[in-house]
Amino acid sequence: MSHDSIDVRYVAKLARLDLTEEEVTLFQSQLESILGHVESLTAIELPDDLENDQNSHLAIMRNDTPHESLDPELVLGNAPEQSQQQVRVPKVVADA
């Protein structure tokens, strides 16, 4: 992958940033360094069982077992405001 294909001025224009020549030079070298690290990650050999894993091991769910609910009086006792057996909160949606 060629790093000099990244045009810092073009990216800055898309982000509506006014960069000085010093900033362009600094960001170009930083971007090349970042892309170099990313490129080195693509060279890492993975075991066959991990290549298509899609991080499914991160989505381990607990068993869905029924249990008793919290006591409503106990929960509402901690609420600063309550109305009709519910916690009252300020309205956050503007009127249309």
C-alpha atoms as a PDB file:
ATOM      1  CA  MET A   1       0.000   0.000   0.000  1.00  0.00           C
ATOM      2  CA  SER A   2       1.429   3.343  -1.008  1.00  0.00           C
ATOM      3  CA  HIS A   3       1.180   6.013   1.683  1.00  0.00           C
ATOM      4  CA  ASP A   4       1.883   8.955  -0.601  1.00  0.00           C
ATOM      5  CA  SER A   5      -1.537   8.419  -2.215  1.00  0.00           C
ATOM      6  CA  ILE A   6      -3.100  10.061   0.867  1.00  0.00           C
ATOM      7  CA  ASP A   7      -3.677  13.744   0.186  1.00  0.00           C
ATOM      8  CA  VAL A   8      -3.691  15.526   3.551  1.00  0.00           C
ATOM      9  CA  ARG A   9      -4.873  18.782   1.981  1.00  0.00           C
ATOM     10  CA  TYR A  10      -7.867  17.028   0.396  1.00  0.00           C
ATOM     11  CA  VAL A  11      -8.814  15.325   3.688  1.00  0.00           C
ATOM     12  CA  ALA A  12      -8.441  18.648   5.513  1.00  0.00           C
ATOM     13  CA  LYS A  13     -10.710  20.305   2.949  1.00  0.00           C
ATOM     14  CA  LEU A  14     -13.353  17.603   3.487  1.00  0.00           C
ATOM     15  CA  ALA A  15     -13.119  18.218   7.232  1.00  0.00           C
ATOM     16  CA  ARG A  16     -13.228  21.987   6.628  1.00  0.00           C
ATOM     17  CA  LEU A  17      -9.848  22.493   8.281  1.00  0.00           C
ATOM     18  CA  ASP A  18      -7.400  25.219   7.371  1.00  0.00           C
ATOM     19  CA  LEU A  19      -3.935  23.728   7.802  1.00  0.00           C
ATOM     20  CA  THR A  20      -0.600  25.462   7.642  1.00  0.00           C
ATOM     21  CA  GLU A  21       2.231  23.957   5.602  1.00  0.00           C
ATOM     22  CA  GLU A  22       3.858  22.810   8.845  1.00  0.00           C
ATOM     23  CA  GLU A  23       0.644  21.036   9.889  1.00  0.00           C
ATOM     24  CA  VAL A  24       0.309  19.382   6.486  1.00  0.00           C
ATOM     25  CA  THR A  25       3.873  18.067   6.765  1.00  0.00           C
ATOM     26  CA  LEU A  26       3.330  16.908  10.364  1.00  0.00           C
ATOM     27  CA  PHE A  27       0.002  15.208   9.637  1.00  0.00           C
ATOM     28  CA  GLN A  28       1.383  13.551   6.495  1.00  0.00           C
ATOM     29  CA  SER A  29       4.195  11.920   8.475  1.00  0.00           C
ATOM     30  CA  GLN A  30       1.808  10.917  11.284  1.00  0.00           C
ATOM     31  CA  LEU A  31      -0.644   9.426   8.801  1.00  0.00           C
ATOM     32  CA  GLU A  32       2.126   7.484   7.066  1.00  0.00           C
ATOM     33  CA  SER A  33       3.220   6.120  10.449  1.00  0.00           C
ATOM     34  CA  ILE A  34      -0.325   5.051  11.333  1.00  0.00           C
ATOM     35  CA  LEU A  35      -0.851   3.403   7.960  1.00  0.00           C
ATOM     36  CA  GLY A  36       2.481   1.620   8.350  1.00  0.00           C
ATOM     37  CA  HIS A  37       1.305   0.125  11.633  1.00  0.00           C
ATOM     38  CA  VAL A  38      -2.009  -0.918  10.076  1.00  0.00           C
ATOM     39  CA  GLU A  39      -0.152  -2.500   7.160  1.00  0.00           C
ATOM     40  CA  SER A  40       2.033  -4.470   9.582  1.00  0.00           C
ATOM     41  CA  LEU A  41      -1.129  -5.842  11.225  1.00  0.00           C
ATOM     42  CA  THR A  42      -2.317  -7.275   7.919  1.00  0.00           C
ATOM     43  CA  ALA A  43       0.864  -9.358   7.744  1.00  0.00           C
ATOM     44  CA  ILE A  44       0.082 -11.218  10.974  1.00  0.00           C
ATOM     45  CA  GLU A  45      -0.670 -14.902  10.394  1.00  0.00           C
ATOM     46  CA  LEU A  46      -3.823 -16.056  12.187  1.00  0.00           C
ATOM     47  CA  PRO A  47      -4.778 -19.626  12.995  1.00  0.00           C
ATOM     48  CA  ASP A  48      -7.397 -21.038  10.629  1.00  0.00           C
ATOM     49  CA  ASP A  49     -10.039 -21.210  13.352  1.00  0.00           C
ATOM     50  CA  LEU A  50      -9.754 -17.438  14.030  1.00  0.00           C
ATOM     51  CA  GLU A  51      -9.840 -16.119  10.476  1.00  0.00           C
ATOM     52  CA  ASN A  52     -13.641 -16.310  10.168  1.00  0.00           C
ATOM     53  CA  ASP A  53     -14.489 -16.053  13.856  1.00  0.00           C
ATOM     54  CA  GLN A  54     -16.080 -12.575  13.587  1.00  0.00           C
ATOM     55  CA  ASN A  55     -15.351 -12.065  17.293  1.00  0.00           C
ATOM     56  CA  SER A  56     -18.233 -14.353  18.218  1.00  0.00           C
ATOM     57  CA  HIS A  57     -16.388 -15.267  21.403  1.00  0.00           C
ATOM     58  CA  LEU A  58     -16.986 -11.697  22.608  1.00  0.00           C
ATOM     59  CA  ALA A  59     -20.767 -12.088  22.507  1.00  0.00           C
ATOM     60  CA  ILE A  60     -21.135 -14.724  25.219  1.00  0.00           C
ATOM     61  CA  MET A  61     -24.604 -14.429  26.708  1.00  0.00           C
ATOM     62  CA  ARG A  62     -25.744 -15.491  30.143  1.00  0.00           C
ATOM     63  CA  ASN A  63     -28.557 -18.007  30.530  1.00  0.00           C
ATOM     64  CA  ASP A  64     -31.996 -16.431  30.456  1.00  0.00           C
ATOM     65  CA  THR A  65     -33.391 -17.657  33.716  1.00  0.00           C
ATOM     66  CA  PRO A  66     -36.465 -16.136  35.363  1.00  0.00           C
ATOM     67  CA  HIS A  67     -36.104 -14.522  38.760  1.00  0.00           C
ATOM     68  CA  GLU A  68     -38.126 -12.288  41.035  1.00  0.00           C
ATOM     69  CA  SER A  69     -38.503  -8.653  40.031  1.00  0.00           C
ATOM     70  CA  LEU A  70     -37.418  -5.782  42.216  1.00  0.00           C
ATOM     71  CA  ASP A  71     -39.904  -4.505  44.778  1.00  0.00           C
ATOM     72  CA  PRO A  72     -41.603  -1.471  43.159  1.00  0.00           C
ATOM     73  CA  GLU A  73     -41.838   0.403  46.471  1.00  0.00           C
ATOM     74  CA  LEU A  74     -38.118  -0.067  47.058  1.00  0.00           C
ATOM     75  CA  VAL A  75     -37.269   1.189  43.567  1.00  0.00           C
ATOM     76  CA  LEU A  76     -39.643   4.156  43.734  1.00  0.00           C
ATOM     77  CA  GLY A  77     -38.350   5.015  47.194  1.00  0.00           C
ATOM     78  CA  ASN A  78     -35.023   5.979  45.582  1.00  0.00           C
ATOM     79  CA  ALA A  79     -36.606   8.083  42.838  1.00  0.00           C
ATOM     80  CA  PRO A  80     -36.439  11.858  43.325  1.00  0.00           C
ATOM     81  CA  GLU A  81     -39.910  12.160  41.745  1.00  0.00           C
ATOM     82  CA  GLN A  82     -42.622   9.619  41.047  1.00  0.00           C
ATOM     83  CA  SER A  83     -46.064   9.593  39.525  1.00  0.00           C
ATOM     84  CA  GLN A  84     -48.553   6.744  38.996  1.00  0.00           C
ATOM     85  CA  GLN A  85     -46.136   4.110  40.339  1.00  0.00           C
ATOM     86  CA  GLN A  86     -43.443   5.210  37.854  1.00  0.00           C
ATOM     87  CA  VAL A  87     -40.230   7.189  38.080  1.00  0.00           C
ATOM     88  CA  ARG A  88     -40.871  10.713  36.795  1.00  0.00           C
ATOM     89  CA  VAL A  89     -38.138  12.252  34.649  1.00  0.00           C
ATOM     90  CA  PRO A  90     -37.887  15.603  32.858  1.00  0.00           C
ATOM     91  CA  LYS A  91     -39.137  15.812  29.310  1.00  0.00           C
ATOM     92  CA  VAL A  92     -36.237  15.695  26.851  1.00  0.00           C
ATOM     93  CA  VAL A  93     -38.127  15.938  23.542  1.00  0.00           C
ATOM     94  CA  ALA A  94     -39.134  19.361  22.288  1.00  0.00           C
ATOM     95  CA  ASP A  95     -42.710  20.033  21.260  1.00  0.00           C
ATOM     96  CA  ALA A  96     -43.159  19.913  17.479  1.00  0.00           C
END
